């Protein structure tokens, strides 16, 4: 281990073309004094101190990030992007006086370990000259609160997150502000920069410990100025003749869907890329085995019947309670389409289903909501999914109920994304309220729930401007009187208290007998 560490230090130091009379510029020297120092190993810190030229510093920095790149075969470095996002959040949350938030103890904690599992506890110590406004104020989930006036902050990590980061089921991290100036100092030694937990975390960031040279990639073609979107050229995309024939049969109404149904939505990735996730829902009544499909294929046609995209790729059925699903993400321009999607086994079609898709073209800056998604299966994934994964937000997975048919014993989960709601400056979170109306059944009655405060879920994982979600559940077994078999509509009114806007989304569904 010592030999390997010495070699790494030598490699990083070798990036310096040393000169006895050279020195780093202030801008380059500041990089090593900034947030990057939190995630440097001891060997890297020693190597950085030996650098003498800006050119050597540039080589060091490039290699520093490359060693932490989780996807070295691509030009994109997701770790670097996440690091920059955490620094930005820390600066927004913890800055006081002339000190940037990323250079405070809470900022370092956020950058190295990420945010806590539970809302931050702020414990205010009453000053003799000031009235007490309360002893314990809980900020919104994921929010780090307003530093002014607080003597202590408690960050609570628990469950799988605490076990992964610290090897314990629960850990409380305390920050103390001695003079109530907003300058919170770490008061939990077990997570200080020299702690085993911090050193393990820093080491875990390095995915390519033996890397000695920054990877290079083919130079991309020069970008051409954007032009107004033109109709997409026809696309083939299907390699297997039997699958192309199945799409033609489905278009002519001759193919069997075996009860399968198509669900879709529209989302925007944290980087601002719009995408359309689609899911093929396969009910147990289709009598398809768990290994009954190895391919998903399909085509999307615009309103004129022109094929704009097609695909044929490996896929596996994923169990969802008693049913199955296969999903993928598409990129489509705004417009109205028909999607025809099927599953195949050994080059032969198993089923084909179709449905309309309407794309409005949301952007990173758009204000509004997504479609209302209904599901009987929402669960936590073992690892966070990459951006643009279908119906996945970090570790959160939503499985749309494609046939929109529920039993009275089901949990009816509802999910909607709210794009760029107004942000409350006191909490750095939106203030959202919602009201539900459930209408339908043989007697067409309406069951209403009163206007309720929502607990907005930041889809980027950190508070601040951006995209949020409301996710909750109606346990149908607890609805009294029990819902009778029939058609229903769930209507949701969302009120953005800060921006003083409201939105209404709704989705029809069935309750089976």
Protein backbone atom coordinates (compact mmCIF):
# COMPACT_ATOMS: atom_id res chain seq x y z
CA UNK A 1 0.00 0.00 0.00
CA UNK A 2 2.83 2.44 0.88
CA UNK A 3 4.55 1.66 -2.42
CA UNK A 4 1.38 2.40 -4.38
CA UNK A 5 0.78 5.66 -2.49
CA UNK A 6 4.36 6.75 -3.10
CA UNK A 7 3.95 5.97 -6.80
CA UNK A 8 0.75 8.03 -6.98
CA UNK A 9 2.47 10.95 -5.28
CA UNK A 10 5.38 10.66 -7.68
CA UNK A 11 3.07 10.57 -10.69
CA UNK A 12 1.16 13.63 -9.56
CA UNK A 13 4.34 15.50 -8.67
CA UNK A 14 5.84 14.61 -12.05
CA UNK A 15 3.16 16.76 -13.64
CA UNK A 16 5.25 19.75 -12.52
CA UNK A 17 7.87 21.12 -14.88
CA UNK A 18 9.76 22.61 -11.94
CA UNK A 19 11.73 25.82 -12.00
CA UNK A 20 13.55 27.34 -9.04
CA UNK A 21 12.28 30.78 -9.99
CA UNK A 22 8.68 29.91 -10.99
CA UNK A 23 5.58 30.14 -8.82
CA UNK A 24 1.85 29.53 -9.18
CA UNK A 25 -0.36 32.46 -10.04
CA UNK A 26 -2.79 33.52 -7.27
CA UNK A 27 -5.72 32.03 -9.20
CA UNK A 28 -4.04 28.62 -9.47
CA UNK A 29 -2.80 28.71 -5.89
CA UNK A 30 -6.33 29.47 -4.70
CA UNK A 31 -7.62 26.26 -6.29
CA UNK A 32 -5.60 24.19 -3.84
CA UNK A 33 -6.87 26.30 -0.95
CA UNK A 34 -10.50 25.97 -2.01
CA UNK A 35 -13.08 23.20 -1.62
CA UNK A 36 -10.98 20.75 -3.66
CA UNK A 37 -8.64 20.43 -0.67
CA UNK A 38 -11.39 18.56 1.19
CA UNK A 39 -11.20 15.62 -1.20
CA UNK A 40 -7.42 15.53 -1.69
CA UNK A 41 -5.46 12.59 -0.35
CA UNK A 42 -2.34 13.28 1.72
CA UNK A 43 -0.20 12.30 -1.28
CA UNK A 44 -2.06 14.71 -3.53
CA UNK A 45 -1.66 17.55 -1.03
CA UNK A 46 2.08 16.94 -0.90
CA UNK A 47 2.27 16.82 -4.70
CA UNK A 48 0.30 20.06 -5.01
CA UNK A 49 2.70 21.89 -2.68
CA UNK A 50 5.61 20.95 -4.94
CA UNK A 51 4.10 22.45 -8.10
CA UNK A 52 5.94 25.48 -9.47
CA UNK A 53 4.15 26.51 -12.69
CA UNK A 54 0.59 27.15 -13.80
CA UNK A 55 1.05 24.62 -16.60
CA UNK A 56 1.98 21.96 -14.06
CA UNK A 57 -1.00 22.95 -11.94
CA UNK A 58 -3.32 22.59 -14.93
CA UNK A 59 -1.96 19.07 -15.56
CA UNK A 60 -2.38 18.19 -11.89
CA UNK A 61 -5.98 19.46 -11.80
CA UNK A 62 -6.93 17.61 -14.98
CA UNK A 63 -5.48 14.36 -13.62
CA UNK A 64 -7.05 15.00 -10.21
CA UNK A 65 -10.55 15.01 -11.71
CA UNK A 66 -9.81 12.20 -14.17
CA UNK A 67 -8.85 9.87 -11.30
CA UNK A 68 -12.33 10.46 -9.85
CA UNK A 69 -14.29 10.06 -13.09
CA UNK A 70 -16.87 7.26 -12.66
CA UNK A 71 -17.29 6.94 -16.45
CA UNK A 72 -13.76 7.20 -17.87
CA UNK A 73 -14.83 6.03 -21.34
CA UNK A 74 -16.84 9.23 -21.87
CA UNK A 75 -15.85 12.91 -21.98
CA UNK A 76 -18.31 13.71 -19.18
CA UNK A 77 -17.21 13.56 -15.52
CA UNK A 78 -20.28 13.13 -13.34
CA UNK A 79 -18.27 13.29 -10.11
CA UNK A 80 -16.88 16.71 -11.03
CA UNK A 81 -20.40 17.92 -11.89
CA UNK A 82 -21.77 16.69 -8.55
CA UNK A 83 -18.86 18.29 -6.68
CA UNK A 84 -19.48 21.66 -8.34
CA UNK A 85 -23.20 21.40 -7.53
CA UNK A 86 -22.44 20.73 -3.85
CA UNK A 87 -20.04 23.68 -3.73
CA UNK A 88 -22.69 25.93 -5.25
CA UNK A 89 -25.27 24.76 -2.70
CA UNK A 90 -22.83 25.24 0.18
CA UNK A 91 -22.06 28.80 -0.96
CA UNK A 92 -25.77 29.56 -1.18
CA UNK A 93 -26.59 28.01 2.21
CA UNK A 94 -23.71 28.72 4.57
CA UNK A 95 -21.96 31.92 3.51
CA UNK A 96 -21.56 34.51 6.25
CA UNK A 97 -19.70 37.79 6.15
CA UNK A 98 -16.88 37.43 3.64
CA UNK A 99 -16.60 33.68 4.12
CA UNK A 100 -17.95 31.52 1.32
CA UNK A 101 -20.26 28.76 2.48
CA UNK A 102 -18.10 26.12 0.84
CA UNK A 103 -15.23 27.15 3.15
CA UNK A 104 -17.22 26.60 6.36
CA UNK A 105 -17.51 23.43 8.42
CA UNK A 106 -21.12 22.78 7.29
CA UNK A 107 -20.00 23.39 3.71
CA UNK A 108 -17.20 20.85 4.01
CA UNK A 109 -19.62 18.34 5.55
CA UNK A 110 -22.04 18.76 2.65
CA UNK A 111 -19.31 18.53 0.00
CA UNK A 112 -17.63 15.43 1.46
CA UNK A 113 -20.58 13.48 2.90
CA UNK A 114 -23.67 15.00 1.31
CA UNK A 115 -26.76 16.24 3.10
CA UNK A 116 -28.42 14.56 6.08
CA UNK A 117 -31.26 12.05 6.01
CA UNK A 118 -33.62 14.19 8.07
CA UNK A 119 -34.44 17.89 8.23
CA UNK A 120 -31.83 19.94 10.04
CA UNK A 121 -32.60 20.75 13.66
CA UNK A 122 -31.85 24.33 14.62
CA UNK A 123 -31.64 24.91 18.37
CA UNK A 124 -31.81 28.57 19.32
CA UNK A 125 -30.20 29.81 22.51
CA UNK A 126 -32.08 32.83 23.82
CA UNK A 127 -30.06 36.00 24.30
CA UNK A 128 -30.86 37.98 27.44
CA UNK A 129 -31.87 41.03 25.44
CA UNK A 130 -34.06 39.19 22.95
CA UNK A 131 -37.40 37.36 23.32
CA UNK A 132 -37.28 33.66 22.67
CA UNK A 133 -39.06 32.57 19.51
CA UNK A 134 -38.88 28.86 20.28
CA UNK A 135 -36.33 26.28 21.19
CA UNK A 136 -36.39 23.87 18.27
CA UNK A 137 -37.13 24.87 14.71
CA UNK A 138 -37.17 22.22 12.03
CA UNK A 139 -36.25 23.36 8.54
CA UNK A 140 -37.72 21.73 5.45
CA UNK A 141 -36.43 18.33 4.37
CA UNK A 142 -32.98 18.67 2.90
CA UNK A 143 -32.78 22.38 3.79
CA UNK A 144 -29.92 23.63 5.92
CA UNK A 145 -31.73 26.59 7.36
CA UNK A 146 -30.92 30.20 8.16
CA UNK A 147 -27.75 30.43 10.22
CA UNK A 148 -28.52 33.74 11.92
CA UNK A 149 -29.63 33.51 15.53
CA UNK A 150 -29.01 29.78 15.96
CA UNK A 151 -26.54 28.44 18.48
CA UNK A 152 -26.54 24.85 17.22
CA UNK A 153 -27.44 22.84 14.17
CA UNK A 154 -27.93 19.08 14.29
CA UNK A 155 -27.62 17.05 11.09
CA UNK A 156 -29.04 13.54 11.41
CA UNK A 157 -27.86 10.69 9.19
CA UNK A 158 -29.63 7.37 9.63
CA UNK A 159 -30.55 4.09 7.98
CA UNK A 160 -28.72 2.91 4.88
CA UNK A 161 -27.13 6.33 4.36
CA UNK A 162 -25.56 6.38 7.83
CA UNK A 163 -24.42 2.78 7.50
CA UNK A 164 -22.79 3.49 4.15
CA UNK A 165 -21.07 6.72 5.20
CA UNK A 166 -20.14 6.02 8.81
CA UNK A 167 -20.71 2.32 9.48
CA UNK A 168 -23.38 3.02 12.10
CA UNK A 169 -27.20 2.96 11.93
CA UNK A 170 -27.52 6.59 13.06
CA UNK A 171 -25.23 9.57 13.56
CA UNK A 172 -25.96 13.09 14.78
CA UNK A 173 -23.49 15.72 13.59
CA UNK A 174 -23.46 18.92 15.65
CA UNK A 175 -22.34 22.39 14.59
CA UNK A 176 -22.00 25.09 17.26
CA UNK A 177 -22.17 28.85 16.73
CA UNK A 178 -20.53 30.28 19.84
CA UNK A 179 -21.27 33.94 19.17
CA UNK A 180 -24.50 33.57 17.17
CA UNK A 181 -22.79 35.16 14.20
CA UNK A 182 -23.69 32.47 11.68
CA UNK A 183 -20.21 30.92 12.00
CA UNK A 184 -21.04 27.29 12.77
CA UNK A 185 -18.10 25.10 13.79
CA UNK A 186 -18.06 21.30 13.76
CA UNK A 187 -18.52 19.84 17.23
CA UNK A 188 -18.50 16.14 16.26
CA UNK A 189 -14.88 14.93 16.03
CA UNK A 190 -15.83 11.60 14.44
CA UNK A 191 -16.37 13.38 11.09
CA UNK A 192 -13.59 15.99 11.20
CA UNK A 193 -11.15 16.10 8.24
CA UNK A 194 -8.68 13.76 9.96
CA UNK A 195 -11.30 11.19 11.01
CA UNK A 196 -11.38 7.69 9.61
CA UNK A 197 -14.82 8.39 8.13
CA UNK A 198 -13.55 11.43 6.22
CA UNK A 199 -10.41 9.69 5.01
CA UNK A 200 -12.39 6.65 3.83
CA UNK A 201 -14.82 8.88 1.96
CA UNK A 202 -12.01 10.81 0.27
CA UNK A 203 -10.35 7.56 -0.79
CA UNK A 204 -13.65 6.16 -2.10
CA UNK A 205 -13.98 9.05 -4.56
CA UNK A 206 -10.97 7.79 -6.52
CA UNK A 207 -12.19 5.31 -9.11
CA UNK A 208 -8.94 5.09 -11.10
CA UNK A 209 -6.07 5.06 -8.59
CA UNK A 210 -3.49 3.94 -11.13
CA UNK A 211 -4.28 6.56 -13.76
CA UNK A 212 -1.16 8.46 -14.88
CA UNK A 213 -2.50 10.35 -17.89
CA UNK A 214 -5.73 12.16 -18.62
CA UNK A 215 -7.79 10.22 -21.22
CA UNK A 216 -8.30 11.91 -24.57
CA UNK A 217 -11.33 11.66 -26.83
CA UNK A 218 -12.00 12.17 -30.48
CA UNK A 219 -12.55 15.85 -31.21
CA UNK A 220 -16.27 16.42 -31.69
CA UNK A 221 -17.51 18.04 -34.85
CA UNK A 222 -17.81 21.81 -34.72
CA UNK A 223 -21.23 22.80 -33.50
CA UNK A 224 -23.46 24.44 -36.08
CA UNK A 225 -25.74 27.30 -35.13
CA UNK A 226 -29.21 26.06 -34.31
CA UNK A 227 -31.86 26.39 -36.99
CA UNK A 228 -35.62 26.14 -36.71
CA UNK A 229 -36.60 22.51 -36.25
CA UNK A 230 -37.41 20.77 -39.52
CA UNK A 231 -39.55 17.65 -39.88
CA UNK A 232 -37.49 14.62 -38.94
CA UNK A 233 -36.36 12.39 -41.78
CA UNK A 234 -37.87 8.91 -41.88
CA UNK A 235 -36.01 6.45 -39.69
CA UNK A 236 -35.79 2.70 -40.10
CA UNK A 237 -33.98 1.41 -36.99
CA UNK A 238 -35.53 -2.09 -36.90
CA UNK A 239 -33.07 -4.78 -37.93
CA UNK A 240 -35.24 -7.90 -37.63
CA UNK A 241 -37.84 -8.37 -40.41
CA UNK A 242 -40.28 -10.20 -38.11
CA UNK A 243 -40.33 -7.24 -35.74
CA UNK A 244 -40.83 -4.74 -38.55
CA UNK A 245 -43.77 -6.86 -39.71
CA UNK A 246 -45.18 -6.88 -36.17
CA UNK A 247 -45.13 -3.08 -36.10
CA UNK A 248 -46.99 -2.98 -39.41
CA UNK A 249 -49.59 -5.43 -38.07
CA UNK A 250 -50.05 -3.32 -34.94
CA UNK A 251 -50.51 -0.19 -37.02
CA UNK A 252 -53.18 -2.04 -39.00
CA UNK A 253 -54.86 -3.25 -35.81
CA UNK A 254 -53.91 -6.91 -36.38
CA UNK A 255 -51.40 -7.48 -33.55
CA UNK A 256 -52.20 -8.79 -30.06
CA UNK A 257 -51.18 -6.71 -27.07
CA UNK A 258 -52.12 -9.44 -24.54
CA UNK A 259 -53.43 -6.75 -22.23
CA UNK A 260 -50.16 -4.79 -22.23
CA UNK A 261 -50.38 -1.01 -22.10
CA UNK A 262 -48.09 1.94 -22.71
CA UNK A 263 -47.37 4.74 -20.24
CA UNK A 264 -45.27 7.84 -20.78
CA UNK A 265 -44.28 11.16 -19.21
CA UNK A 266 -42.09 14.21 -19.92
CA UNK A 267 -39.18 15.27 -17.75
CA UNK A 268 -36.05 17.40 -17.91
CA UNK A 269 -32.70 16.14 -16.61
CA UNK A 270 -30.67 18.22 -14.11
CA UNK A 271 -28.46 19.26 -17.04
CA UNK A 272 -31.50 20.61 -18.89
CA UNK A 273 -32.02 17.79 -21.39
CA UNK A 274 -35.69 16.97 -22.05
CA UNK A 275 -36.63 13.30 -22.38
CA UNK A 276 -39.73 11.14 -22.68
CA UNK A 277 -39.71 7.93 -20.60
CA UNK A 278 -42.02 5.20 -21.87
CA UNK A 279 -42.97 1.97 -20.13
CA UNK A 280 -44.56 -1.20 -21.44
CA UNK A 281 -46.72 -2.57 -18.64
CA UNK A 282 -47.36 -6.33 -18.90
CA UNK A 283 -50.14 -7.66 -16.63
CA UNK A 284 -49.97 -11.12 -15.11
CA UNK A 285 -52.96 -12.05 -17.27
CA UNK A 286 -50.63 -11.96 -20.31
CA UNK A 287 -49.18 -15.27 -19.05
CA UNK A 288 -45.63 -14.32 -20.00
CA UNK A 289 -42.79 -15.91 -18.04
CA UNK A 290 -40.14 -13.83 -16.31
CA UNK A 291 -37.71 -14.71 -19.10
CA UNK A 292 -40.36 -14.39 -21.79
CA UNK A 293 -38.78 -11.39 -23.51
CA UNK A 294 -35.24 -10.39 -24.39
CA UNK A 295 -35.84 -7.40 -26.68
CA UNK A 296 -37.81 -4.18 -26.71
CA UNK A 297 -38.56 -2.71 -30.13
CA UNK A 298 -40.74 0.03 -31.44
CA UNK A 299 -41.34 3.05 -33.61
CA UNK A 300 -42.74 6.54 -33.09
CA UNK A 301 -44.70 8.28 -35.84
CA UNK A 302 -45.74 11.91 -36.02
CA UNK A 303 -49.23 13.16 -36.86
CA UNK A 304 -48.59 12.71 -40.59
CA UNK A 305 -47.65 9.06 -40.12
CA UNK A 306 -43.94 9.70 -40.72
CA UNK A 307 -41.63 7.59 -38.60
CA UNK A 308 -39.38 9.86 -36.53
CA UNK A 309 -37.53 7.26 -34.49
CA UNK A 310 -37.28 3.50 -34.10
CA UNK A 311 -35.37 1.14 -31.86
CA UNK A 312 -34.57 -2.51 -31.29
CA UNK A 313 -32.44 -3.30 -28.28
CA UNK A 314 -31.90 -5.92 -25.56
CA UNK A 315 -34.23 -5.75 -22.57
CA UNK A 316 -35.45 -7.85 -19.66
CA UNK A 317 -38.80 -7.99 -17.95
CA UNK A 318 -38.73 -6.47 -14.47
CA UNK A 319 -41.18 -7.75 -11.89
CA UNK A 320 -43.62 -5.25 -10.39
CA UNK A 321 -45.75 -6.98 -7.78
CA UNK A 322 -47.64 -9.61 -9.81
CA UNK A 323 -46.95 -7.92 -13.15
CA UNK A 324 -43.94 -6.97 -15.29
CA UNK A 325 -42.65 -3.91 -17.08
CA UNK A 326 -39.92 -2.78 -19.48
CA UNK A 327 -39.08 0.90 -19.86
CA UNK A 328 -36.74 3.18 -21.78
CA UNK A 329 -36.27 6.88 -22.50
CA UNK A 330 -36.81 8.62 -25.83
CA UNK A 331 -35.86 12.05 -27.16
CA UNK A 332 -38.68 13.69 -29.10
CA UNK A 333 -39.40 17.18 -30.38
CA UNK A 334 -42.65 18.89 -29.30
CA UNK A 335 -45.64 17.46 -31.12
CA UNK A 336 -48.26 14.73 -31.20
CA UNK A 337 -47.15 11.17 -31.89
CA UNK A 338 -48.23 7.56 -31.91
CA UNK A 339 -45.83 5.13 -30.25
CA UNK A 340 -45.92 1.44 -31.20
CA UNK A 341 -43.80 -0.62 -28.83
CA UNK A 342 -43.37 -4.37 -28.52
CA UNK A 343 -41.46 -7.10 -26.74
CA UNK A 344 -39.76 -10.00 -28.49
CA UNK A 345 -38.00 -13.24 -27.66
CA UNK A 346 -35.41 -14.80 -29.94
CA UNK A 347 -36.27 -12.44 -32.78
CA UNK A 348 -40.00 -13.23 -32.68
CA UNK A 349 -42.62 -10.76 -31.40
CA UNK A 350 -44.31 -11.63 -28.11
CA UNK A 351 -46.69 -8.67 -27.91
CA UNK A 352 -47.12 -5.20 -29.37
CA UNK A 353 -49.03 -2.28 -27.88
CA UNK A 354 -49.48 1.33 -28.89
CA UNK A 355 -50.67 4.66 -27.59
CA UNK A 356 -50.65 8.41 -28.20
CA UNK A 357 -47.83 10.61 -26.92
CA UNK A 358 -48.07 14.39 -26.74
CA UNK A 359 -44.79 16.22 -26.14
CA UNK A 360 -44.92 19.84 -24.99
CA UNK A 361 -41.16 20.34 -24.91
CA UNK A 362 -40.35 21.46 -21.36
CA UNK A 363 -36.95 23.05 -20.71
CA UNK A 364 -34.80 23.49 -17.63
CA UNK A 365 -36.34 26.96 -17.19
CA UNK A 366 -39.97 25.95 -17.86
CA UNK A 367 -42.58 26.61 -15.20
CA UNK A 368 -45.43 24.13 -14.78
CA UNK A 369 -46.02 20.47 -14.00
CA UNK A 370 -45.59 17.04 -15.49
CA UNK A 371 -48.42 14.60 -16.16
CA UNK A 372 -49.96 13.02 -13.08
CA UNK A 373 -48.54 9.50 -12.79
CA UNK A 374 -50.47 6.77 -10.97
CA UNK A 375 -48.66 3.70 -9.69
CA UNK A 376 -49.11 0.76 -7.36
CA UNK A 377 -45.35 0.29 -6.99
CA UNK A 378 -42.88 2.95 -5.84
CA UNK A 379 -39.62 1.71 -4.37
CA UNK A 380 -36.00 2.55 -3.56
CA UNK A 381 -33.27 1.34 -5.89
CA UNK A 382 -30.00 -0.06 -4.59
CA UNK A 383 -27.97 2.61 -6.38
CA UNK A 384 -28.84 5.96 -7.90
CA UNK A 385 -29.79 5.83 -11.56
CA UNK A 386 -28.04 8.13 -14.07
CA UNK A 387 -29.85 11.20 -15.44
CA UNK A 388 -32.57 10.55 -18.04
CA UNK A 389 -33.26 7.06 -16.72
CA UNK A 390 -36.94 6.21 -17.25
CA UNK A 391 -39.16 7.02 -14.27
CA UNK A 392 -36.16 7.10 -11.91
CA UNK A 393 -34.98 10.01 -9.79
CA UNK A 394 -31.75 9.11 -8.05
CA UNK A 395 -32.71 6.02 -6.05
CA UNK A 396 -36.45 6.61 -6.37
CA UNK A 397 -38.24 4.40 -8.92
CA UNK A 398 -41.82 4.96 -10.08
CA UNK A 399 -43.54 2.14 -11.99
CA UNK A 400 -46.56 3.61 -13.84
CA UNK A 401 -49.64 1.38 -13.79
CA UNK A 402 -49.96 1.18 -17.56
CA UNK A 403 -53.50 -0.20 -17.65
CA UNK A 404 -54.57 2.24 -14.90
CA UNK A 405 -56.59 -0.48 -13.18
CA UNK A 406 -56.41 -0.85 -9.40
CA UNK A 407 -57.94 -3.13 -6.78
CA UNK A 408 -59.37 -1.95 -3.49
CA UNK A 409 -56.46 -3.65 -1.76
CA UNK A 410 -53.88 -1.60 -3.72
CA UNK A 411 -52.02 1.50 -2.72
CA UNK A 412 -52.68 4.22 -5.28
CA UNK A 413 -49.46 6.24 -5.44
CA UNK A 414 -49.58 9.57 -7.24
CA UNK A 415 -46.55 11.50 -8.50
CA UNK A 416 -46.25 14.87 -10.20
CA UNK A 417 -43.19 16.98 -10.97
CA UNK A 418 -43.38 20.74 -10.37
CA UNK A 419 -40.97 22.68 -12.54
CA UNK A 420 -39.28 25.76 -11.07
CA UNK A 421 -41.74 26.68 -8.32
CA UNK A 422 -41.20 29.87 -6.36
CA UNK A 423 -38.61 29.51 -3.60
CA UNK A 424 -39.11 30.76 -0.05
CA UNK A 425 -35.93 32.66 0.85
CA UNK A 426 -36.26 31.65 4.51
CA UNK A 427 -36.05 27.93 3.78
CA UNK A 428 -34.65 27.76 0.23
CA UNK A 429 -37.57 25.46 -0.57
CA UNK A 430 -40.91 25.99 -2.31
CA UNK A 431 -44.15 26.37 -0.39
CA UNK A 432 -46.65 24.08 -2.08
CA UNK A 433 -50.17 23.06 -1.16
CA UNK A 434 -52.47 20.60 -2.87
CA UNK A 435 -56.08 19.47 -2.86
CA UNK A 436 -57.43 16.13 -4.11
CA UNK A 437 -60.82 15.29 -5.59
CA UNK A 438 -61.72 11.68 -6.41
CA UNK A 439 -64.77 11.43 -8.65
CA UNK A 440 -66.52 8.49 -10.31
CA UNK A 441 -67.97 5.08 -9.72
CA UNK A 442 -71.52 4.01 -10.57
CA UNK A 443 -72.99 6.91 -8.57
CA UNK A 444 -70.51 9.57 -9.83
CA UNK A 445 -69.84 10.81 -6.31
CA UNK A 446 -66.88 13.01 -5.36
CA UNK A 447 -64.66 12.42 -2.35
CA UNK A 448 -62.57 15.49 -1.52
CA UNK A 449 -59.55 16.06 0.68
CA UNK A 450 -58.91 19.57 2.06
CA UNK A 451 -56.07 21.83 0.94
CA UNK A 452 -52.93 20.42 2.52
CA UNK A 453 -49.30 21.52 2.78
CA UNK A 454 -47.06 19.42 0.56
CA UNK A 455 -43.59 18.14 1.43
CA UNK A 456 -41.81 18.96 -1.85
CA UNK A 457 -39.09 16.52 -2.85
CA UNK A 458 -36.08 18.18 -4.57
CA UNK A 459 -35.33 15.96 -7.56
CA UNK A 460 -31.72 17.16 -7.75
CA UNK A 461 -31.19 16.02 -4.17
CA UNK A 462 -30.47 19.53 -2.90
CA UNK A 463 -32.76 22.47 -2.07
CA UNK A 464 -32.93 25.68 -4.06
CA UNK A 465 -34.37 26.60 -7.47
CA UNK A 466 -35.15 23.70 -9.78
CA UNK A 467 -37.54 20.80 -10.13
CA UNK A 468 -39.51 19.26 -7.28
CA UNK A 469 -42.03 16.46 -6.91
CA UNK A 470 -45.09 15.70 -4.84
CA UNK A 471 -45.35 11.98 -4.12
CA UNK A 472 -47.97 10.48 -1.85
CA UNK A 473 -50.29 7.51 -1.45
CA UNK A 474 -54.00 6.78 -1.14
CA UNK A 475 -54.43 3.38 0.57
CA UNK A 476 -57.56 2.31 -1.28
CA UNK A 477 -58.35 -0.25 1.42
CA UNK A 478 -58.85 2.63 3.86
CA UNK A 479 -61.29 4.58 1.67
CA UNK A 480 -64.74 4.39 3.28
CA UNK A 481 -67.14 3.45 1.92
CA UNK A 482 -65.12 1.16 -0.33
CA UNK A 483 -64.85 2.24 -3.94
CA UNK A 484 -67.18 0.32 -6.22
CA UNK A 485 -65.97 -1.12 -9.50
CA UNK A 486 -66.01 1.52 -12.20
CA UNK A 487 -64.28 4.50 -13.77
CA UNK A 488 -62.76 7.25 -11.63
CA UNK A 489 -60.78 10.46 -12.03
CA UNK A 490 -58.21 11.75 -9.57
CA UNK A 491 -57.90 15.53 -9.82
CA UNK A 492 -55.09 17.38 -8.07
CA UNK A 493 -54.94 21.14 -7.62
CA UNK A 494 -51.47 22.44 -6.74
CA UNK A 495 -50.96 25.91 -5.27
CA UNK A 496 -47.53 27.56 -5.44
CA UNK A 497 -47.78 29.91 -2.47
CA UNK A 498 -44.57 31.83 -3.25
CA UNK A 499 -45.19 32.56 -6.93
CA UNK A 500 -48.98 32.72 -6.41
CA UNK A 501 -49.70 30.30 -9.23
CA UNK A 502 -51.89 27.23 -9.32
CA UNK A 503 -52.01 24.16 -11.54
CA UNK A 504 -54.52 21.36 -12.02
CA UNK A 505 -53.59 17.88 -13.18
CA UNK A 506 -55.82 14.84 -13.41
CA UNK A 507 -55.74 11.21 -14.44
CA UNK A 508 -58.51 8.69 -15.06
CA UNK A 509 -58.27 5.14 -13.73
CA UNK A 510 -60.41 2.09 -13.06
CA UNK A 511 -61.22 0.13 -9.94
CA UNK A 512 -61.66 -3.55 -10.70
CA UNK A 513 -64.25 -5.81 -9.19
